[in-house]
Amino acid sequence: MSWSFAFKLLPGEEIIEDSSKDQDALIKPVYSVLLTNKRVIFRFDGLGSLLKKSLSYNEIKNARSVKRLGISYLRIETNGREHLFNTADPEIWSKKIMAIKENSVGS
């Protein structure tokens, strides 16, 4: 896992899906999700922020939607850590992340 202020695609990395392309809601989520064939990138969409966090699929142990105080989050489990992201449609994104992870392990 790494936090950075910008990201470049790795050699051979391709974008699969980008949650920011689907955001028509009045209240936007805090994080956008970018799925590539090598990792998941979470972009903090705060006021003018460029902060990003990326996790490779082999770091991710589980991804699921959880509800805390009435708000749904995308919960990513890694080795001994839990990351919560306020994303749009966390249940959908957790399924997509796990599907890509399972397919990349089989490759």
C-alpha atoms as a PDB file:
ATOM      1  CA  MET A   1       0.000   0.000   0.000  1.00  0.00           C
ATOM      2  CA  SER A   2       1.247   3.454  -0.771  1.00  0.00           C
ATOM      3  CA  TRP A   3      -0.001   7.022  -0.545  1.00  0.00           C
ATOM      4  CA  SER A   4       1.138   9.405  -3.245  1.00  0.00           C
ATOM      5  CA  PHE A   5       0.242  12.748  -4.753  1.00  0.00           C
ATOM      6  CA  ALA A   6       0.170  11.490  -8.315  1.00  0.00           C
ATOM      7  CA  PHE A   7       0.286   8.216 -10.135  1.00  0.00           C
ATOM      8  CA  LYS A   8       1.483   6.886 -13.420  1.00  0.00           C
ATOM      9  CA  LEU A   9       0.404   3.619 -14.906  1.00  0.00           C
ATOM     10  CA  LEU A  10       2.983   0.876 -14.483  1.00  0.00           C
ATOM     11  CA  PRO A  11       4.490  -0.793 -17.552  1.00  0.00           C
ATOM     12  CA  GLY A  12       1.840  -3.101 -19.011  1.00  0.00           C
ATOM     13  CA  GLU A  13      -0.881  -1.665 -16.754  1.00  0.00           C
ATOM     14  CA  GLU A  14      -4.282  -0.937 -18.286  1.00  0.00           C
ATOM     15  CA  ILE A  15      -7.322   0.815 -16.833  1.00  0.00           C
ATOM     16  CA  ILE A  16     -10.310  -1.521 -16.520  1.00  0.00           C
ATOM     17  CA  GLU A  17     -12.856   0.734 -14.769  1.00  0.00           C
ATOM     18  CA  ASP A  18     -13.033   4.224 -13.300  1.00  0.00           C
ATOM     19  CA  SER A  19     -15.808   5.095 -10.825  1.00  0.00           C
ATOM     20  CA  SER A  20     -15.494   8.832 -11.513  1.00  0.00           C
ATOM     21  CA  LYS A  21     -16.977   8.251 -14.976  1.00  0.00           C
ATOM     22  CA  ASP A  22     -20.289   7.122 -13.399  1.00  0.00           C
ATOM     23  CA  GLN A  23     -20.767   9.815 -10.765  1.00  0.00           C
ATOM     24  CA  ASP A  24     -23.963  11.743 -11.382  1.00  0.00           C
ATOM     25  CA  ALA A  25     -25.023  11.972  -7.715  1.00  0.00           C
ATOM     26  CA  LEU A  26     -25.685  15.299  -6.028  1.00  0.00           C
ATOM     27  CA  ILE A  27     -23.498  14.279  -3.090  1.00  0.00           C
ATOM     28  CA  LYS A  28     -20.241  12.868  -4.389  1.00  0.00           C
ATOM     29  CA  PRO A  29     -18.353  10.144  -2.502  1.00  0.00           C
ATOM     30  CA  VAL A  30     -15.046  10.975  -0.851  1.00  0.00           C
ATOM     31  CA  TYR A  31     -13.030   8.472  -2.931  1.00  0.00           C
ATOM     32  CA  SER A  32     -13.051   7.480  -6.592  1.00  0.00           C
ATOM     33  CA  VAL A  33     -12.002   3.937  -7.484  1.00  0.00           C
ATOM     34  CA  LEU A  34      -9.761   3.156 -10.439  1.00  0.00           C
ATOM     35  CA  LEU A  35      -9.356  -0.532 -11.294  1.00  0.00           C
ATOM     36  CA  THR A  36      -6.408  -1.595 -13.409  1.00  0.00           C
ATOM     37  CA  ASN A  37      -5.150  -5.013 -14.370  1.00  0.00           C
ATOM     38  CA  LYS A  38      -2.415  -4.748 -11.667  1.00  0.00           C
ATOM     39  CA  ARG A  39      -3.867  -2.752  -8.746  1.00  0.00           C
ATOM     40  CA  VAL A  40      -6.705  -0.723  -7.260  1.00  0.00           C
ATOM     41  CA  ILE A  41      -6.176   3.015  -6.984  1.00  0.00           C
ATOM     42  CA  PHE A  42      -8.279   5.127  -4.611  1.00  0.00           C
ATOM     43  CA  ARG A  43      -8.272   8.848  -5.354  1.00  0.00           C
ATOM     44  CA  PHE A  44      -9.284  11.221  -2.562  1.00  0.00           C
ATOM     45  CA  ASP A  45     -11.681  13.651  -4.208  1.00  0.00           C
ATOM     46  CA  GLY A  46     -11.431  16.372  -1.565  1.00  0.00           C
ATOM     47  CA  LEU A  47     -11.200  20.018  -2.478  1.00  0.00           C
ATOM     48  CA  GLY A  48      -8.349  20.215  -4.994  1.00  0.00           C
ATOM     49  CA  SER A  49      -6.630  17.138  -3.575  1.00  0.00           C
ATOM     50  CA  LEU A  50      -4.331  14.934  -5.616  1.00  0.00           C
ATOM     51  CA  LEU A  51      -3.860  12.341  -2.873  1.00  0.00           C
ATOM     52  CA  LYS A  52      -4.035   8.734  -4.020  1.00  0.00           C
ATOM     53  CA  LYS A  53      -3.652   5.309  -2.410  1.00  0.00           C
ATOM     54  CA  SER A  54      -2.945   2.142  -4.341  1.00  0.00           C
ATOM     55  CA  LEU A  55      -3.143  -1.515  -3.378  1.00  0.00           C
ATOM     56  CA  SER A  56      -1.966  -4.374  -5.550  1.00  0.00           C
ATOM     57  CA  TYR A  57      -4.384  -7.265  -5.865  1.00  0.00           C
ATOM     58  CA  ASN A  58      -1.960  -9.627  -4.115  1.00  0.00           C
ATOM     59  CA  GLU A  59      -2.033  -7.335  -1.020  1.00  0.00           C
ATOM     60  CA  ILE A  60      -5.834  -7.511  -0.796  1.00  0.00           C
ATOM     61  CA  LYS A  61      -7.193 -10.348   1.320  1.00  0.00           C
ATOM     62  CA  ASN A  62     -10.866  -9.358   1.155  1.00  0.00           C
ATOM     63  CA  ALA A  63     -13.082  -6.534  -0.080  1.00  0.00           C
ATOM     64  CA  ARG A  64     -16.649  -6.017   1.071  1.00  0.00           C
ATOM     65  CA  SER A  65     -19.242  -3.403   1.869  1.00  0.00           C
ATOM     66  CA  VAL A  66     -19.763  -2.475   5.529  1.00  0.00           C
ATOM     67  CA  LYS A  67     -22.091  -0.020   7.231  1.00  0.00           C
ATOM     68  CA  ARG A  68     -20.838   2.201  10.059  1.00  0.00           C
ATOM     69  CA  LEU A  69     -23.173   4.715  11.696  1.00  0.00           C
ATOM     70  CA  GLY A  70     -25.562   4.407   8.766  1.00  0.00           C
ATOM     71  CA  ILE A  71     -22.907   5.097   6.105  1.00  0.00           C
ATOM     72  CA  SER A  72     -21.759   2.402   3.691  1.00  0.00           C
ATOM     73  CA  TYR A  73     -18.020   2.011   3.129  1.00  0.00           C
ATOM     74  CA  LEU A  74     -15.809  -0.156   0.983  1.00  0.00           C
ATOM     75  CA  ARG A  75     -13.736  -2.217   3.431  1.00  0.00           C
ATOM     76  CA  ILE A  76     -10.436  -3.559   2.118  1.00  0.00           C
ATOM     77  CA  GLU A  77      -8.546  -6.050   4.282  1.00  0.00           C
ATOM     78  CA  THR A  78      -4.805  -6.471   3.828  1.00  0.00           C
ATOM     79  CA  ASN A  79      -2.221  -8.186   6.033  1.00  0.00           C
ATOM     80  CA  GLY A  80      -3.335  -7.086   9.477  1.00  0.00           C
ATOM     81  CA  ARG A  81      -4.891  -3.805   8.278  1.00  0.00           C
ATOM     82  CA  GLU A  82      -8.354  -2.589   7.481  1.00  0.00           C
ATOM     83  CA  HIS A  83      -8.935   0.297   5.081  1.00  0.00           C
ATOM     84  CA  LEU A  84     -12.328   2.028   4.854  1.00  0.00           C
ATOM     85  CA  PHE A  85     -13.189   4.099   1.796  1.00  0.00           C
ATOM     86  CA  ASN A  86     -16.327   6.177   1.322  1.00  0.00           C
ATOM     87  CA  THR A  87     -17.040   5.285  -2.300  1.00  0.00           C
ATOM     88  CA  ALA A  88     -20.139   5.229  -4.444  1.00  0.00           C
ATOM     89  CA  ASP A  89     -21.707   1.742  -4.562  1.00  0.00           C
ATOM     90  CA  PRO A  90     -19.225  -0.027  -2.240  1.00  0.00           C
ATOM     91  CA  GLU A  91     -20.969  -3.386  -2.666  1.00  0.00           C
ATOM     92  CA  ILE A  92     -20.554  -3.286  -6.442  1.00  0.00           C
ATOM     93  CA  TRP A  93     -16.900  -2.208  -6.227  1.00  0.00           C
ATOM     94  CA  SER A  94     -16.061  -4.882  -3.636  1.00  0.00           C
ATOM     95  CA  LYS A  95     -17.413  -7.566  -6.001  1.00  0.00           C
ATOM     96  CA  LYS A  96     -15.472  -6.140  -8.949  1.00  0.00           C
ATOM     97  CA  ILE A  97     -12.226  -5.987  -6.942  1.00  0.00           C
ATOM     98  CA  MET A  98     -12.576  -9.582  -5.740  1.00  0.00           C
ATOM     99  CA  ALA A  99     -13.467 -10.814  -9.249  1.00  0.00           C
ATOM    100  CA  ILE A 100     -10.355  -9.188 -10.739  1.00  0.00           C
ATOM    101  CA  LYS A 101      -8.232 -10.506  -7.866  1.00  0.00           C
ATOM    102  CA  GLU A 102      -9.505 -14.059  -8.407  1.00  0.00           C
ATOM    103  CA  ASN A 103      -8.929 -13.822 -12.182  1.00  0.00           C
ATOM    104  CA  SER A 104      -5.416 -12.410 -11.749  1.00  0.00           C
ATOM    105  CA  VAL A 105      -4.461 -15.241  -9.361  1.00  0.00           C
ATOM    106  CA  GLY A 106      -5.642 -17.780 -11.928  1.00  0.00           C
ATOM    107  CA  SER A 107      -3.571 -16.145 -14.708  1.00  0.00           C
END
